[in-house]
């Protein structure tokens, strides 16, 4: 099997969500650093999340029995031994403040107390008899190994930074320290350009570094969210399953309405490969197989986990009815909720790696044929700095997209919902505004020297030219320069020859003499009297 692609070096840091944590709770970033510091491992399931009233999200396949009392503890979930209750270190721990069955946790190493009057080990092991030569040699070897182990533990922190990458992984007892994920500074709001006009019914731009919402249009409006659903499916799958878990495809999964990977009834796939099929090409069959396989054969159980996790993440305008996103009564989300979910999901290394992958092959096995996958998320192929996300489309949801991008040292997440036009204009215009970088970029230009999947279905984007404008509520937004024309300027502009006569707007109206306003353009300016609606230029 090909090795799993590494996360994009520009992948987001795993840090605290835009929703505030309850008082006394450890932040997600602190949890991540604690896991790395103590174990050198990445958690593969959800860290503890603040839970809303009367919602208790499941933290493991075997949830605690009985009531949960006291303040909820900080629990770090690590890869477990197939539900045996052991953590990655082999220890179990009792969590203060929780009664009943103990969930899988990462505990501290046990403290060893040595009594000063304890008999010498040599005599204790031999009941006072003179040890044999073999016993003496064994004792010496044990002592030497112990001394070496102590030396290693003492000097390792001082030399690990100078070892070649991967060197420590080849030495027994060493693990390669995880590569720190980049941390980007927060971004300042653009005060020179107005917020863009977008065709989408709702949209949000979030600063990934701190969860701040920079732009919102109907950000809390519940709407059908199509295949962006699969971001939650992936989060829950990694919370309750393991990447190497084998899943047998059911009749239901193999016959679901496509888009599809093409899996067949009775074939067996790893969760790892099904995640690639679900997220890269939006395979509904893979999503259904994951829900049934991880949910113990019960899709309803998996969907409950999805809704529990949505509640834990503070997604107050989200509800799930299925794991794939096909239109269903009661299946909805909001742009703000999708931004929070996207920020969380893209912070999990496995999901970030998949969403940043352009091409992947599920290798053939004795159970199934090979499947070649090409990432269908078009902006990943043409927008500068795009490093992951998830698009979707259904008849009810129209165009939906969650897109992460890093430019100019800043990291943003943009979401559009219910756009009747395309995945290009709104998402680009929102990100350009957020980054305050209006350098013209178009998928049409990228096609002259690159590749974008299914570009021919969109006329190779020949319509996406600088002169194209966004018309909303009697105003025109010019993506090429990031400025808006409204009346009386817009009416005069159109009557007097438009772009050919004036060029592109280069600013918003500013006060001029005698209460008039002037708006600057490439070739000549327009001055209007707001009181009379008369203009000249």
Protein backbone atom coordinates (compact mmCIF):
# COMPACT_ATOMS: atom_id res chain seq x y z
CA UNK A 1 0.00 0.00 0.00
CA UNK A 2 1.40 3.44 -0.87
CA UNK A 3 2.39 5.48 2.15
CA UNK A 4 -0.16 8.04 3.27
CA UNK A 5 0.65 11.55 2.01
CA UNK A 6 2.08 13.87 4.62
CA UNK A 7 -0.04 16.84 5.70
CA UNK A 8 0.47 19.96 3.67
CA UNK A 9 3.16 22.09 5.38
CA UNK A 10 0.63 24.91 5.28
CA UNK A 11 -2.00 22.80 7.05
CA UNK A 12 -3.74 24.54 9.94
CA UNK A 13 -2.67 24.29 13.53
CA UNK A 14 -4.94 22.27 15.83
CA UNK A 15 -6.07 24.90 18.24
CA UNK A 16 -9.04 26.16 20.12
CA UNK A 17 -12.28 26.61 18.18
CA UNK A 18 -14.06 29.85 17.40
CA UNK A 19 -16.68 28.85 19.97
CA UNK A 20 -15.57 29.70 23.54
CA UNK A 21 -14.66 26.82 25.84
CA UNK A 22 -16.50 26.44 29.12
CA UNK A 23 -14.67 27.80 32.20
CA UNK A 24 -12.04 25.44 33.54
CA UNK A 25 -11.68 23.45 30.34
CA UNK A 26 -8.30 22.87 28.73
CA UNK A 27 -7.93 24.45 25.29
CA UNK A 28 -7.59 22.22 22.25
CA UNK A 29 -4.17 23.64 21.52
CA UNK A 30 -2.98 22.81 25.05
CA UNK A 31 -4.33 19.28 24.69
CA UNK A 32 -2.47 18.84 21.42
CA UNK A 33 0.79 20.08 22.88
CA UNK A 34 0.34 17.88 25.93
CA UNK A 35 -0.16 14.81 23.77
CA UNK A 36 2.90 15.61 21.70
CA UNK A 37 5.03 16.40 24.72
CA UNK A 38 4.13 13.26 26.67
CA UNK A 39 3.82 10.64 23.95
CA UNK A 40 5.13 11.98 20.65
CA UNK A 41 1.86 10.76 19.08
CA UNK A 42 -1.05 12.41 17.35
CA UNK A 43 -4.48 11.64 18.81
CA UNK A 44 -6.84 9.97 16.37
CA UNK A 45 -10.05 10.78 18.19
CA UNK A 46 -11.76 13.85 19.53
CA UNK A 47 -10.33 15.68 22.54
CA UNK A 48 -12.82 16.65 25.23
CA UNK A 49 -15.25 19.27 24.06
CA UNK A 50 -17.58 21.60 25.95
CA UNK A 51 -20.97 19.97 25.96
CA UNK A 52 -24.23 21.92 25.76
CA UNK A 53 -26.99 21.21 28.29
CA UNK A 54 -28.42 17.70 28.11
CA UNK A 55 -25.91 16.64 25.44
CA UNK A 56 -23.18 14.19 26.35
CA UNK A 57 -21.04 13.46 23.27
CA UNK A 58 -19.57 10.01 23.16
CA UNK A 59 -15.83 9.95 23.73
CA UNK A 60 -15.22 6.29 22.97
CA UNK A 61 -16.93 3.21 21.61
CA UNK A 62 -17.63 2.18 25.21
CA UNK A 63 -19.07 5.29 26.94
CA UNK A 64 -19.12 5.62 30.73
CA UNK A 65 -21.96 3.87 32.50
CA UNK A 66 -23.92 5.69 35.13
CA UNK A 67 -24.15 9.41 35.78
CA UNK A 68 -21.32 11.81 35.07
CA UNK A 69 -20.61 13.82 38.21
CA UNK A 70 -18.45 16.78 39.06
CA UNK A 71 -16.45 18.89 36.64
CA UNK A 72 -15.78 17.11 33.40
CA UNK A 73 -12.10 16.08 33.24
CA UNK A 74 -9.69 16.75 30.42
CA UNK A 75 -9.37 13.41 28.63
CA UNK A 76 -6.80 12.82 25.94
CA UNK A 77 -7.92 9.99 23.67
CA UNK A 78 -5.17 7.94 22.07
CA UNK A 79 -5.14 4.83 19.86
CA UNK A 80 -6.59 2.00 21.95
CA UNK A 81 -6.14 -1.76 21.77
CA UNK A 82 -9.37 -2.66 19.98
CA UNK A 83 -11.62 -1.56 22.80
CA UNK A 84 -9.68 -3.32 25.56
CA UNK A 85 -9.66 -0.19 27.67
CA UNK A 86 -5.88 0.24 27.45
CA UNK A 87 -4.28 3.44 26.39
CA UNK A 88 -1.39 3.69 23.95
CA UNK A 89 1.02 3.26 26.86
CA UNK A 90 -0.67 0.14 28.16
CA UNK A 91 -1.90 1.82 31.34
CA UNK A 92 -5.45 2.44 32.45
CA UNK A 93 -6.53 5.31 34.63
CA UNK A 94 -9.45 6.36 36.76
CA UNK A 95 -10.72 9.83 35.95
CA UNK A 96 -11.72 12.00 38.88
CA UNK A 97 -15.22 13.35 38.68
CA UNK A 98 -16.56 10.47 36.57
CA UNK A 99 -18.25 7.33 37.77
CA UNK A 100 -18.83 4.06 35.99
CA UNK A 101 -16.75 2.45 33.28
CA UNK A 102 -13.53 4.33 32.70
CA UNK A 103 -12.99 5.54 29.11
CA UNK A 104 -9.69 5.13 27.34
CA UNK A 105 -7.28 7.77 28.62
CA UNK A 106 -3.64 8.68 28.60
CA UNK A 107 -2.33 8.33 32.15
CA UNK A 108 0.93 9.35 33.70
CA UNK A 109 3.59 6.69 34.24
CA UNK A 110 3.19 4.90 37.59
CA UNK A 111 5.33 6.13 40.47
CA UNK A 112 7.76 3.49 41.80
CA UNK A 113 8.55 3.71 45.52
CA UNK A 114 11.70 1.92 46.80
CA UNK A 115 11.92 1.19 50.50
CA UNK A 116 15.36 1.92 51.95
CA UNK A 117 15.23 -1.30 54.02
CA UNK A 118 14.27 -3.54 51.10
CA UNK A 119 16.47 -6.65 50.74
CA UNK A 120 18.99 -6.71 47.94
CA UNK A 121 17.45 -7.98 44.74
CA UNK A 122 20.18 -10.57 44.35
CA UNK A 123 19.40 -12.21 47.69
CA UNK A 124 15.66 -11.91 47.26
CA UNK A 125 15.73 -13.71 43.94
CA UNK A 126 17.85 -16.59 45.26
CA UNK A 127 16.37 -17.00 48.74
CA UNK A 128 19.80 -16.36 50.23
CA UNK A 129 21.60 -18.95 48.14
CA UNK A 130 24.79 -18.09 46.26
CA UNK A 131 23.75 -17.06 42.75
CA UNK A 132 24.85 -19.16 39.81
CA UNK A 133 27.20 -17.66 37.16
CA UNK A 134 24.27 -17.37 34.76
CA UNK A 135 22.31 -15.41 37.35
CA UNK A 136 25.28 -13.12 38.00
CA UNK A 137 25.68 -12.46 34.25
CA UNK A 138 21.95 -11.79 33.92
CA UNK A 139 22.07 -9.36 36.82
CA UNK A 140 25.06 -7.53 35.32
CA UNK A 141 23.37 -7.26 31.93
CA UNK A 142 20.21 -5.96 33.55
CA UNK A 143 22.18 -3.34 35.45
CA UNK A 144 24.07 -2.22 32.33
CA UNK A 145 20.85 -1.94 30.32
CA UNK A 146 19.31 0.08 33.14
CA UNK A 147 22.28 2.45 33.22
CA UNK A 148 22.14 2.90 29.44
CA UNK A 149 18.41 3.60 29.63
CA UNK A 150 19.00 6.27 32.27
CA UNK A 151 21.75 7.88 30.17
CA UNK A 152 19.47 7.88 27.12
CA UNK A 153 16.64 9.52 29.03
CA UNK A 154 18.99 12.19 30.39
CA UNK A 155 20.82 13.10 27.18
CA UNK A 156 18.01 12.61 24.67
CA UNK A 157 16.46 16.09 25.12
CA UNK A 158 19.85 17.67 24.44
CA UNK A 159 20.73 15.70 21.31
CA UNK A 160 17.38 15.01 19.63
CA UNK A 161 17.30 18.44 18.01
CA UNK A 162 20.61 17.69 16.28
CA UNK A 163 19.75 14.23 14.95
CA UNK A 164 19.01 13.83 11.23
CA UNK A 165 15.26 13.56 10.45
CA UNK A 166 14.04 10.02 11.07
CA UNK A 167 17.27 8.91 12.80
CA UNK A 168 15.68 8.44 16.19
CA UNK A 169 12.87 6.33 14.74
CA UNK A 170 15.37 3.61 13.91
CA UNK A 171 16.67 3.31 17.46
CA UNK A 172 14.77 1.14 19.92
CA UNK A 173 12.87 3.19 22.41
CA UNK A 174 12.99 6.40 20.38
CA UNK A 175 10.19 8.10 18.54
CA UNK A 176 10.67 10.95 16.11
CA UNK A 177 9.28 14.16 17.64
CA UNK A 178 6.29 15.41 15.61
CA UNK A 179 6.94 18.30 13.27
CA UNK A 180 5.37 21.45 14.75
CA UNK A 181 2.51 22.75 12.63
CA UNK A 182 2.81 26.37 11.51
CA UNK A 183 1.12 29.05 13.55
CA UNK A 184 -0.11 32.05 11.57
CA UNK A 185 -0.77 35.53 12.96
CA UNK A 186 -4.27 36.94 13.00
CA UNK A 187 -5.27 39.12 10.08
CA UNK A 188 -6.38 42.76 10.19
CA UNK A 189 -9.67 43.71 8.60
CA UNK A 190 -9.43 45.37 5.20
CA UNK A 191 -10.43 48.99 5.70
CA UNK A 192 -9.73 50.13 2.13
CA UNK A 193 -12.16 47.79 0.36
CA UNK A 194 -15.83 47.15 1.14
CA UNK A 195 -16.93 43.63 2.01
CA UNK A 196 -17.66 41.79 -1.24
CA UNK A 197 -21.12 41.26 -2.67
CA UNK A 198 -21.76 37.53 -3.16
CA UNK A 199 -24.42 35.59 -5.02
CA UNK A 200 -24.55 32.87 -2.37
CA UNK A 201 -27.44 32.95 0.09
CA UNK A 202 -24.96 32.80 2.96
CA UNK A 203 -21.22 33.03 3.41
CA UNK A 204 -18.55 33.42 6.08
CA UNK A 205 -14.85 34.22 6.19
CA UNK A 206 -13.08 33.06 9.37
CA UNK A 207 -9.58 33.90 10.58
CA UNK A 208 -8.27 30.42 11.35
CA UNK A 209 -5.70 31.70 13.84
CA UNK A 210 -8.30 32.83 16.38
CA UNK A 211 -11.71 31.83 15.02
CA UNK A 212 -12.78 35.44 14.44
CA UNK A 213 -15.49 35.97 11.83
CA UNK A 214 -14.26 38.62 9.37
CA UNK A 215 -17.22 38.48 7.00
CA UNK A 216 -20.72 37.11 7.36
CA UNK A 217 -23.81 37.11 5.20
CA UNK A 218 -26.68 35.19 6.82
CA UNK A 219 -24.00 33.27 8.68
CA UNK A 220 -26.43 31.53 11.06
CA UNK A 221 -29.11 30.66 8.49
CA UNK A 222 -29.82 26.88 8.48
CA UNK A 223 -29.53 25.54 4.93
CA UNK A 224 -28.98 22.21 3.20
CA UNK A 225 -25.21 21.60 3.17
CA UNK A 226 -24.76 18.75 0.66
CA UNK A 227 -21.43 16.90 0.77
CA UNK A 228 -19.79 19.25 3.26
CA UNK A 229 -21.54 16.75 5.57
CA UNK A 230 -18.60 14.43 4.92
CA UNK A 231 -16.29 16.59 7.03
CA UNK A 232 -18.27 15.54 10.10
CA UNK A 233 -18.42 11.95 8.84
CA UNK A 234 -14.62 11.91 8.72
CA UNK A 235 -14.26 13.45 12.19
CA UNK A 236 -16.63 10.92 13.76
CA UNK A 237 -15.08 7.99 11.86
CA UNK A 238 -11.65 8.79 13.26
CA UNK A 239 -13.16 9.31 16.72
CA UNK A 240 -14.78 5.88 16.87
CA UNK A 241 -12.70 3.81 14.44
CA UNK A 242 -9.07 3.37 13.43
CA UNK A 243 -7.57 3.92 9.96
CA UNK A 244 -6.64 0.23 9.58
CA UNK A 245 -10.13 -1.01 10.50
CA UNK A 246 -11.49 -3.25 7.73
CA UNK A 247 -15.04 -2.57 6.55
CA UNK A 248 -17.18 -4.90 4.44
CA UNK A 249 -19.39 -3.13 1.91
CA UNK A 250 -23.11 -3.75 2.36
CA UNK A 251 -25.82 -3.86 -0.29
CA UNK A 252 -27.08 -0.51 0.95
CA UNK A 253 -23.68 1.19 0.63
CA UNK A 254 -22.99 -0.31 -2.80
CA UNK A 255 -26.32 0.82 -4.24
CA UNK A 256 -26.56 4.38 -2.88
CA UNK A 257 -27.17 7.31 -5.22
CA UNK A 258 -23.85 8.48 -6.68
CA UNK A 259 -21.31 10.27 -6.84
CA UNK A 260 -19.47 7.06 -6.04
CA UNK A 261 -16.09 5.43 -5.69
CA UNK A 262 -17.53 2.27 -7.26
CA UNK A 263 -17.24 -0.11 -4.32
CA UNK A 264 -19.19 -3.37 -4.57
CA UNK A 265 -21.16 -5.50 -2.13
CA UNK A 266 -18.92 -7.85 -0.17
CA UNK A 267 -15.66 -6.03 -0.91
CA UNK A 268 -13.48 -5.10 2.05
CA UNK A 269 -11.67 -1.79 2.42
CA UNK A 270 -9.73 -0.15 5.20
CA UNK A 271 -11.25 2.92 6.81
CA UNK A 272 -8.11 4.75 5.59
CA UNK A 273 -8.91 4.04 1.94
CA UNK A 274 -12.63 4.73 2.30
CA UNK A 275 -11.83 8.14 3.81
CA UNK A 276 -9.80 8.99 0.71
CA UNK A 277 -12.67 7.91 -1.53
CA UNK A 278 -15.22 9.85 0.51
CA UNK A 279 -13.30 13.12 0.83
CA UNK A 280 -11.42 13.29 -2.49
CA UNK A 281 -14.22 12.43 -4.91
CA UNK A 282 -17.15 12.82 -2.51
CA UNK A 283 -18.06 9.13 -2.66
CA UNK A 284 -21.51 8.63 -1.17
CA UNK A 285 -20.96 4.88 -1.23
CA UNK A 286 -17.78 5.29 0.82
CA UNK A 287 -19.57 7.55 3.32
CA UNK A 288 -22.36 5.02 3.78
CA UNK A 289 -19.89 2.15 4.19
CA UNK A 290 -17.96 4.15 6.79
CA UNK A 291 -21.10 4.95 8.79
CA UNK A 292 -22.24 1.34 8.79
CA UNK A 293 -18.80 -0.12 9.44
CA UNK A 294 -17.72 2.21 12.23
CA UNK A 295 -21.25 2.30 13.67
CA UNK A 296 -21.25 -1.46 14.20
CA UNK A 297 -23.61 -2.11 11.32
CA UNK A 298 -26.04 0.57 12.47
CA UNK A 299 -26.09 3.80 10.49
CA UNK A 300 -28.40 5.33 13.10
CA UNK A 301 -25.73 4.91 15.77
CA UNK A 302 -23.19 6.73 13.63
CA UNK A 303 -25.63 9.57 12.85
CA UNK A 304 -26.28 9.98 16.57
CA UNK A 305 -22.53 10.35 17.08
CA UNK A 306 -22.51 13.00 14.36
CA UNK A 307 -25.22 15.02 16.11
CA UNK A 308 -23.60 14.54 19.52
CA UNK A 309 -20.31 15.82 18.13
CA UNK A 310 -22.07 18.77 16.48
CA UNK A 311 -23.51 19.67 19.88
CA UNK A 312 -20.13 19.31 21.53
CA UNK A 313 -18.52 21.59 18.97
CA UNK A 314 -21.19 24.22 19.54
CA UNK A 315 -22.75 23.88 16.06
CA UNK A 316 -26.11 25.29 17.12
CA UNK A 317 -27.60 25.50 13.61
CA UNK A 318 -26.63 22.01 12.42
CA UNK A 319 -28.45 18.67 12.35
CA UNK A 320 -27.58 15.46 10.52
CA UNK A 321 -29.87 12.84 9.03
CA UNK A 322 -27.29 10.92 6.96
CA UNK A 323 -23.50 10.60 6.57
CA UNK A 324 -23.23 11.70 2.92
CA UNK A 325 -25.25 14.91 2.54
CA UNK A 326 -27.96 13.94 0.06
CA UNK A 327 -31.06 16.10 0.51
CA UNK A 328 -33.09 15.01 3.52
CA UNK A 329 -35.64 16.71 5.76
CA UNK A 330 -33.91 17.86 8.93
CA UNK A 331 -30.43 17.75 7.37
CA UNK A 332 -28.94 21.24 7.51
CA UNK A 333 -26.12 23.48 8.72
CA UNK A 334 -25.08 27.14 8.58
CA UNK A 335 -22.08 28.91 7.10
CA UNK A 336 -20.72 29.78 10.54
CA UNK A 337 -21.11 26.20 11.77
CA UNK A 338 -19.36 24.86 8.66
CA UNK A 339 -16.46 27.25 9.25
CA UNK A 340 -16.09 26.01 12.84
CA UNK A 341 -16.33 22.38 11.69
CA UNK A 342 -13.88 23.00 8.85
CA UNK A 343 -11.41 24.61 11.23
CA UNK A 344 -11.61 21.62 13.55
CA UNK A 345 -11.53 18.93 10.84
CA UNK A 346 -8.64 20.50 8.95
CA UNK A 347 -6.70 20.59 12.20
CA UNK A 348 -6.70 16.78 12.36
CA UNK A 349 -3.60 15.62 10.46
CA UNK A 350 -5.22 12.62 8.74
CA UNK A 351 -8.11 14.69 7.38
CA UNK A 352 -5.82 17.59 6.42
CA UNK A 353 -3.57 15.20 4.50
CA UNK A 354 -6.47 13.72 2.53
CA UNK A 355 -8.05 17.06 1.66
CA UNK A 356 -4.72 18.42 0.42
CA UNK A 357 -4.07 15.37 -1.80
CA UNK A 358 -4.71 15.84 -5.53
CA UNK A 359 -4.17 12.25 -6.71
CA UNK A 360 -4.36 8.98 -4.83
CA UNK A 361 -4.62 5.29 -5.70
CA UNK A 362 -6.49 2.75 -3.61
CA UNK A 363 -4.41 -0.34 -4.45
CA UNK A 364 -6.01 -3.56 -5.60
CA UNK A 365 -6.34 -6.42 -3.11
CA UNK A 366 -7.76 -9.91 -3.25
CA UNK A 367 -11.08 -8.33 -2.24
CA UNK A 368 -11.37 -5.40 -4.65
CA UNK A 369 -9.84 -3.78 -7.76
CA UNK A 370 -7.65 -0.69 -7.84
CA UNK A 371 -9.34 2.72 -7.70
CA UNK A 372 -7.69 5.88 -9.02
CA UNK A 373 -8.86 9.07 -7.29
CA UNK A 374 -8.57 12.69 -8.42
CA UNK A 375 -9.54 15.40 -5.93
CA UNK A 376 -12.67 17.10 -7.28
CA UNK A 377 -12.31 20.21 -5.12
CA UNK A 378 -11.61 22.63 -7.96
CA UNK A 379 -10.21 25.62 -5.99
CA UNK A 380 -7.47 23.31 -4.67
CA UNK A 381 -6.13 23.28 -8.25
CA UNK A 382 -6.20 26.99 -8.99
CA UNK A 383 -6.62 29.30 -5.98
CA UNK A 384 -3.24 30.44 -4.55
CA UNK A 385 -2.55 28.90 -1.16
CA UNK A 386 -5.61 26.62 -1.11
CA UNK A 387 -4.74 23.64 1.08
CA UNK A 388 -7.98 21.75 1.65
CA UNK A 389 -11.70 21.83 2.20
CA UNK A 390 -14.86 20.19 0.91
CA UNK A 391 -17.33 21.20 -1.82
CA UNK A 392 -20.86 19.96 -2.32
CA UNK A 393 -23.85 20.25 -4.63
CA UNK A 394 -27.42 18.97 -4.59
CA UNK A 395 -30.65 20.25 -6.07
CA UNK A 396 -31.68 21.78 -2.75
CA UNK A 397 -28.26 22.91 -1.52
CA UNK A 398 -26.94 24.25 -4.85
CA UNK A 399 -23.21 25.09 -4.73
CA UNK A 400 -21.68 24.78 -1.25
CA UNK A 401 -18.00 24.99 -0.34
CA UNK A 402 -15.66 25.04 2.65
CA UNK A 403 -12.19 26.20 1.57
CA UNK A 404 -9.01 26.71 3.57
CA UNK A 405 -6.18 28.85 2.17
CA UNK A 406 -2.91 30.36 3.35
CA UNK A 407 -1.56 33.53 1.70
CA UNK A 408 0.81 36.26 2.78
CA UNK A 409 1.45 34.57 6.10
CA UNK A 410 -2.23 34.39 7.07
CA UNK A 411 -4.72 31.52 7.17
CA UNK A 412 -8.42 31.89 6.32
CA UNK A 413 -11.40 29.57 5.98
CA UNK A 414 -14.21 30.63 3.64
CA UNK A 415 -17.67 29.08 3.36
CA UNK A 416 -20.42 29.64 0.79
CA UNK A 417 -23.88 28.07 0.85
CA UNK A 418 -26.59 28.04 -1.80
CA UNK A 419 -24.80 29.78 -4.63
CA UNK A 420 -26.70 29.37 -7.89
CA UNK A 421 -23.73 30.29 -10.04
CA UNK A 422 -20.45 28.48 -9.40
CA UNK A 423 -17.67 27.47 -7.00
CA UNK A 424 -15.40 30.19 -8.39
CA UNK A 425 -16.59 33.77 -8.06
CA UNK A 426 -17.91 34.02 -4.50
CA UNK A 427 -15.23 31.91 -2.82
CA UNK A 428 -12.42 33.76 -4.63
CA UNK A 429 -13.87 37.20 -3.92
CA UNK A 430 -14.35 36.46 -0.23
CA UNK A 431 -10.81 35.14 0.22
CA UNK A 432 -9.24 37.95 -1.81
CA UNK A 433 -11.00 40.44 0.43
CA UNK A 434 -9.98 38.56 3.56
CA UNK A 435 -6.34 38.47 2.49
CA UNK A 436 -6.55 42.05 1.16
CA UNK A 437 -4.91 40.80 -2.02
CA UNK A 438 -6.81 41.53 -5.23
CA UNK A 439 -4.19 40.22 -7.62
CA UNK A 440 -6.31 38.75 -10.41
CA UNK A 441 -6.52 34.98 -10.32
CA UNK A 442 -8.86 32.87 -12.42
CA UNK A 443 -9.18 29.13 -13.14
CA UNK A 444 -9.35 30.09 -16.81
CA UNK A 445 -5.81 31.46 -16.66
CA UNK A 446 -4.55 28.42 -14.75
CA UNK A 447 -5.90 26.11 -17.46
CA UNK A 448 -3.45 27.62 -19.96
CA UNK A 449 -0.61 25.82 -18.17
CA UNK A 450 -2.28 23.47 -15.70
CA UNK A 451 -5.15 21.11 -15.01
CA UNK A 452 -8.47 21.50 -13.19
CA UNK A 453 -10.79 18.49 -12.90
CA UNK A 454 -14.05 18.71 -14.84
CA UNK A 455 -13.17 22.13 -16.22
CA UNK A 456 -14.96 21.27 -19.47
CA UNK A 457 -18.23 20.98 -17.51
CA UNK A 458 -17.87 24.68 -16.76
CA UNK A 459 -16.94 25.81 -20.26
CA UNK A 460 -13.26 25.84 -19.22
CA UNK A 461 -14.13 28.97 -17.23
CA UNK A 462 -13.92 31.21 -20.31
CA UNK A 463 -16.61 33.35 -18.70
CA UNK A 464 -14.40 34.22 -15.71
CA UNK A 465 -12.76 37.38 -16.99
CA UNK A 466 -11.76 40.61 -15.18
CA UNK A 467 -14.70 42.56 -16.60
CA UNK A 468 -17.25 40.17 -15.06
CA UNK A 469 -19.20 41.76 -12.22
CA UNK A 470 -21.43 40.49 -9.43
CA UNK A 471 -24.90 42.07 -9.48
CA UNK A 472 -26.65 42.01 -6.10
CA UNK A 473 -29.49 44.24 -4.87
CA UNK A 474 -28.99 46.89 -7.53
CA UNK A 475 -25.23 47.15 -6.94
CA UNK A 476 -22.27 45.85 -8.93
CA UNK A 477 -19.15 44.38 -7.36
CA UNK A 478 -15.94 44.33 -9.41
CA UNK A 479 -13.81 41.34 -8.27
CA UNK A 480 -10.88 42.60 -10.35
CA UNK A 481 -10.34 45.61 -8.06
CA UNK A 482 -12.60 44.81 -5.11
CA UNK A 483 -14.85 47.89 -5.28
CA UNK A 484 -18.60 48.45 -5.57
CA UNK A 485 -20.67 50.70 -7.81
CA UNK A 486 -24.12 51.82 -6.64
CA UNK A 487 -26.49 54.53 -7.79
CA UNK A 488 -26.24 57.25 -8.88
CA UNK A 489 -22.66 56.31 -9.88
CA UNK A 490 -23.69 52.94 -11.36
CA UNK A 491 -26.43 54.37 -13.58
CA UNK A 492 -24.15 57.08 -14.94
CA UNK A 493 -21.30 54.59 -15.42
CA UNK A 494 -23.43 52.25 -17.52
CA UNK A 495 -25.00 55.03 -19.61
CA UNK A 496 -21.64 56.60 -20.47
CA UNK A 497 -19.88 53.51 -21.79
CA UNK A 498 -18.96 51.49 -18.70
CA UNK A 499 -15.51 49.92 -18.43
CA UNK A 500 -14.52 50.93 -21.96
CA UNK A 501 -15.00 54.59 -21.08
CA UNK A 502 -14.06 54.80 -17.40
CA UNK A 503 -12.01 51.66 -16.72
CA UNK A 504 -12.29 49.80 -13.40
CA UNK A 505 -13.24 51.52 -10.13
CA UNK A 506 -10.19 52.23 -7.97
CA UNK A 507 -11.91 53.30 -4.78
CA UNK A 508 -15.22 54.00 -3.10
CA UNK A 509 -16.95 57.41 -3.28
CA UNK A 510 -15.19 60.08 -1.22
CA UNK A 511 -16.43 63.58 -0.24
CA UNK A 512 -15.78 66.33 -2.75
CA UNK A 513 -16.64 70.04 -2.82
CA UNK A 514 -20.16 71.33 -2.13
CA UNK A 515 -21.48 68.05 -0.65
CA UNK A 516 -20.71 66.05 -3.76
CA UNK A 517 -19.02 62.64 -3.90
CA UNK A 518 -16.28 61.48 -6.27
CA UNK A 519 -15.39 57.92 -7.23
CA UNK A 520 -12.07 57.23 -8.93
CA UNK A 521 -11.63 55.00 -12.01
CA UNK A 522 -8.70 53.97 -14.21
CA UNK A 523 -9.37 56.52 -16.96
CA UNK A 524 -11.61 59.27 -15.54
CA UNK A 525 -13.52 59.95 -12.36
CA UNK A 526 -17.24 60.35 -11.71
CA UNK A 527 -18.60 63.06 -9.43
CA UNK A 528 -22.23 62.90 -8.26
CA UNK A 529 -24.57 65.01 -6.17
CA UNK A 530 -26.40 62.55 -3.88
CA UNK A 531 -29.21 65.04 -3.28
CA UNK A 532 -30.10 65.49 -6.94
CA UNK A 533 -28.71 62.25 -8.39
CA UNK A 534 -26.88 64.15 -11.11
CA UNK A 535 -23.38 63.09 -12.12
CA UNK A 536 -20.55 64.18 -14.39
CA UNK A 537 -17.29 62.65 -15.42
